[in-house]
Amino acid sequence: MRARRLDVREDLARVRVPTLVVHSRIDAVVPFKDGLELASGIRGARFVALDDANHLLMDGEPGWIRLTAELSSFLREIELV
């Protein structure tokens, strides 16, 4: 099955909410450069690179542990805004 590719680059500048983009460095499904491009197109977005090869992270993996820590931190920060 082939996934449909969506091009949202033109819409990114309209995003006006706090944004966290998390991407695995060796993601076999979505290239790392796409995650970087997504984050760079959203003003003020925070980008977190995970040293992981999985597209979907599993509980207990190093990438999962980092993801949950970054997400918790991000959510605490935006509550203060």
N, C-alpha and C. Protein backbone atom coordinates (compact mmCIF):
# COMPACT_ATOMS: atom_id res chain seq x y z
N MET A 1 0.85 -1.18 0.00
CA MET A 1 0.00 0.00 0.00
C MET A 1 0.89 1.24 0.00
N ARG A 2 0.57 2.19 -0.81
CA ARG A 2 1.33 3.42 -0.89
C ARG A 2 0.62 4.54 -0.16
N ALA A 3 1.37 5.25 0.64
CA ALA A 3 0.79 6.39 1.36
C ALA A 3 0.75 7.59 0.43
N ARG A 4 -0.29 8.36 0.53
CA ARG A 4 -0.41 9.58 -0.25
C ARG A 4 0.48 10.64 0.36
N ARG A 5 1.24 11.32 -0.46
CA ARG A 5 2.13 12.37 0.02
C ARG A 5 1.36 13.69 0.01
N LEU A 6 1.40 14.37 1.13
CA LEU A 6 0.76 15.67 1.25
C LEU A 6 1.83 16.74 1.28
N ASP A 7 1.59 17.81 0.60
CA ASP A 7 2.53 18.93 0.60
C ASP A 7 1.88 20.09 1.35
N VAL A 8 2.34 20.32 2.57
CA VAL A 8 1.75 21.35 3.41
C VAL A 8 2.68 22.55 3.58
N ARG A 9 3.76 22.58 2.81
CA ARG A 9 4.76 23.65 2.98
C ARG A 9 4.17 25.04 2.91
N GLU A 10 3.25 25.27 2.01
CA GLU A 10 2.66 26.61 1.87
C GLU A 10 1.80 26.99 3.08
N ASP A 11 1.33 26.02 3.83
CA ASP A 11 0.46 26.28 4.98
C ASP A 11 1.22 26.48 6.29
N LEU A 12 2.47 26.10 6.33
CA LEU A 12 3.23 26.12 7.58
C LEU A 12 3.32 27.50 8.21
N ALA A 13 3.48 28.53 7.41
CA ALA A 13 3.61 29.89 7.94
C ALA A 13 2.35 30.35 8.65
N ARG A 14 1.24 29.69 8.41
CA ARG A 14 -0.03 30.08 9.05
C ARG A 14 -0.21 29.46 10.43
N VAL A 15 0.64 28.52 10.79
CA VAL A 15 0.54 27.87 12.11
C VAL A 15 0.92 28.89 13.17
N ARG A 16 0.04 29.12 14.13
CA ARG A 16 0.24 30.13 15.16
C ARG A 16 0.13 29.57 16.57
N VAL A 17 0.41 28.31 16.73
CA VAL A 17 0.35 27.67 18.04
C VAL A 17 1.72 27.09 18.37
N PRO A 18 2.02 26.92 19.65
CA PRO A 18 3.29 26.28 20.01
C PRO A 18 3.37 24.91 19.34
N THR A 19 4.52 24.61 18.75
CA THR A 19 4.67 23.39 17.97
C THR A 19 5.95 22.66 18.33
N LEU A 20 5.82 21.38 18.55
CA LEU A 20 6.95 20.50 18.80
C LEU A 20 7.01 19.49 17.66
N VAL A 21 8.12 19.44 16.97
CA VAL A 21 8.33 18.47 15.90
C VAL A 21 9.42 17.51 16.37
N VAL A 22 9.10 16.23 16.42
CA VAL A 22 10.03 15.21 16.87
C VAL A 22 10.23 14.23 15.71
N HIS A 23 11.50 13.94 15.42
CA HIS A 23 11.78 13.08 14.27
C HIS A 23 12.99 12.20 14.55
N SER A 24 12.88 10.93 14.19
CA SER A 24 14.01 10.00 14.32
C SER A 24 15.02 10.25 13.20
N ARG A 25 16.29 10.25 13.57
CA ARG A 25 17.36 10.53 12.60
C ARG A 25 17.41 9.51 11.46
N ILE A 26 17.06 8.26 11.74
CA ILE A 26 17.18 7.21 10.73
C ILE A 26 15.80 6.64 10.40
N ASP A 27 14.80 7.49 10.36
CA ASP A 27 13.42 7.08 10.05
C ASP A 27 13.39 6.52 8.63
N ALA A 28 12.95 5.28 8.47
CA ALA A 28 12.90 4.65 7.16
C ALA A 28 11.63 5.01 6.39
N VAL A 29 10.67 5.65 7.04
CA VAL A 29 9.40 5.98 6.40
C VAL A 29 9.40 7.43 5.89
N VAL A 30 9.81 8.35 6.74
CA VAL A 30 9.83 9.77 6.40
C VAL A 30 11.26 10.28 6.55
N PRO A 31 11.85 10.83 5.49
CA PRO A 31 13.23 11.30 5.58
C PRO A 31 13.41 12.37 6.67
N PHE A 32 14.57 12.33 7.32
CA PHE A 32 14.90 13.26 8.39
C PHE A 32 14.79 14.70 7.90
N LYS A 33 15.22 14.96 6.68
CA LYS A 33 15.17 16.32 6.13
C LYS A 33 13.75 16.86 6.08
N ASP A 34 12.77 15.99 5.95
CA ASP A 34 11.37 16.43 5.92
C ASP A 34 10.94 16.95 7.30
N GLY A 35 11.41 16.31 8.35
CA GLY A 35 11.11 16.78 9.70
C GLY A 35 11.74 18.14 9.96
N LEU A 36 12.99 18.29 9.52
CA LEU A 36 13.67 19.59 9.65
C LEU A 36 12.93 20.68 8.87
N GLU A 37 12.52 20.35 7.66
CA GLU A 37 11.80 21.33 6.84
C GLU A 37 10.46 21.71 7.46
N LEU A 38 9.77 20.75 8.01
CA LEU A 38 8.50 21.02 8.67
C LEU A 38 8.70 22.01 9.82
N ALA A 39 9.66 21.72 10.68
CA ALA A 39 9.91 22.59 11.83
C ALA A 39 10.38 23.97 11.40
N SER A 40 11.21 24.04 10.38
CA SER A 40 11.73 25.34 9.95
C SER A 40 10.66 26.21 9.31
N GLY A 41 9.59 25.59 8.83
CA GLY A 41 8.51 26.36 8.22
C GLY A 41 7.50 26.91 9.20
N ILE A 42 7.59 26.49 10.46
CA ILE A 42 6.65 26.93 11.50
C ILE A 42 7.39 27.86 12.45
N ARG A 43 6.98 29.10 12.47
CA ARG A 43 7.65 30.10 13.31
C ARG A 43 7.66 29.66 14.78
N GLY A 44 8.86 29.62 15.35
CA GLY A 44 9.01 29.29 16.76
C GLY A 44 8.92 27.82 17.10
N ALA A 45 8.81 26.96 16.10
CA ALA A 45 8.69 25.52 16.37
C ALA A 45 9.97 25.01 17.00
N ARG A 46 9.81 24.05 17.89
CA ARG A 46 10.96 23.38 18.49
C ARG A 46 11.13 22.05 17.77
N PHE A 47 12.37 21.78 17.37
CA PHE A 47 12.69 20.52 16.68
C PHE A 47 13.55 19.66 17.59
N VAL A 48 13.17 18.41 17.73
CA VAL A 48 13.94 17.45 18.52
C VAL A 48 14.29 16.27 17.63
N ALA A 49 15.57 16.01 17.51
CA ALA A 49 16.05 14.86 16.74
C ALA A 49 16.28 13.71 17.70
N LEU A 50 15.69 12.58 17.39
CA LEU A 50 15.86 11.39 18.21
C LEU A 50 16.92 10.49 17.57
N ASP A 51 17.82 9.98 18.38
CA ASP A 51 18.81 9.02 17.90
C ASP A 51 18.16 7.65 17.88
N ASP A 52 17.33 7.45 16.87
CA ASP A 52 16.52 6.24 16.78
C ASP A 52 16.31 5.94 15.30
N ALA A 53 15.97 4.71 15.00
CA ALA A 53 15.71 4.33 13.61
C ALA A 53 14.24 4.04 13.36
N ASN A 54 13.43 4.10 14.38
CA ASN A 54 12.02 3.74 14.23
C ASN A 54 11.15 4.93 13.85
N HIS A 55 10.17 4.66 13.01
CA HIS A 55 9.17 5.68 12.67
C HIS A 55 8.14 5.76 13.79
N LEU A 56 7.76 4.61 14.31
CA LEU A 56 6.86 4.53 15.46
C LEU A 56 7.68 4.03 16.64
N LEU A 57 7.67 4.81 17.70
CA LEU A 57 8.49 4.47 18.85
C LEU A 57 7.75 3.53 19.79
N MET A 58 8.50 2.66 20.42
CA MET A 58 7.93 1.69 21.34
C MET A 58 8.34 2.04 22.76
N ASP A 59 7.44 1.82 23.69
CA ASP A 59 7.69 2.07 25.10
C ASP A 59 8.98 1.36 25.55
N GLY A 60 9.82 2.11 26.24
CA GLY A 60 11.05 1.54 26.78
C GLY A 60 12.27 1.76 25.91
N GLU A 61 12.08 2.08 24.63
CA GLU A 61 13.23 2.34 23.76
C GLU A 61 13.83 3.70 24.12
N PRO A 62 15.13 3.90 23.84
CA PRO A 62 15.75 5.20 24.13
C PRO A 62 15.00 6.37 23.47
N GLY A 63 14.55 6.19 22.25
CA GLY A 63 13.81 7.26 21.57
C GLY A 63 12.51 7.58 22.27
N TRP A 64 11.83 6.55 22.79
CA TRP A 64 10.57 6.75 23.50
C TRP A 64 10.80 7.53 24.79
N ILE A 65 11.84 7.16 25.49
CA ILE A 65 12.17 7.83 26.75
C ILE A 65 12.46 9.31 26.49
N ARG A 66 13.23 9.61 25.45
CA ARG A 66 13.53 11.00 25.10
C ARG A 66 12.26 11.73 24.66
N LEU A 67 11.43 11.07 23.85
CA LEU A 67 10.19 11.69 23.38
C LEU A 67 9.31 12.09 24.55
N THR A 68 9.12 11.20 25.50
CA THR A 68 8.23 11.53 26.62
C THR A 68 8.81 12.65 27.47
N ALA A 69 10.12 12.69 27.63
CA ALA A 69 10.74 13.77 28.39
C ALA A 69 10.57 15.11 27.67
N GLU A 70 10.81 15.13 26.36
CA GLU A 70 10.67 16.36 25.58
C GLU A 70 9.22 16.83 25.55
N LEU A 71 8.30 15.90 25.40
CA LEU A 71 6.88 16.25 25.36
C LEU A 71 6.42 16.80 26.70
N SER A 72 6.84 16.19 27.78
CA SER A 72 6.49 16.70 29.11
C SER A 72 7.01 18.11 29.32
N SER A 73 8.24 18.34 28.93
CA SER A 73 8.85 19.66 29.06
C SER A 73 8.09 20.69 28.21
N PHE A 74 7.79 20.33 26.98
CA PHE A 74 7.07 21.21 26.06
C PHE A 74 5.70 21.58 26.63
N LEU A 75 4.98 20.58 27.12
CA LEU A 75 3.64 20.84 27.65
C LEU A 75 3.67 21.72 28.91
N ARG A 76 4.69 21.53 29.75
CA ARG A 76 4.84 22.40 30.92
C ARG A 76 5.10 23.84 30.48
N GLU A 77 5.95 24.02 29.49
CA GLU A 77 6.28 25.35 29.01
C GLU A 77 5.07 26.08 28.42
N ILE A 78 4.29 25.39 27.62
CA ILE A 78 3.18 26.09 26.97
C ILE A 78 2.03 26.35 27.93
N GLU A 79 1.97 25.62 29.04
CA GLU A 79 0.97 25.93 30.07
C GLU A 79 1.25 27.28 30.70
N LEU A 80 2.51 27.67 30.72
CA LEU A 80 2.91 28.93 31.35
C LEU A 80 2.67 30.12 30.44
N VAL A 81 2.46 29.88 29.17
CA VAL A 81 2.28 30.98 28.21
C VAL A 81 0.89 31.56 28.32
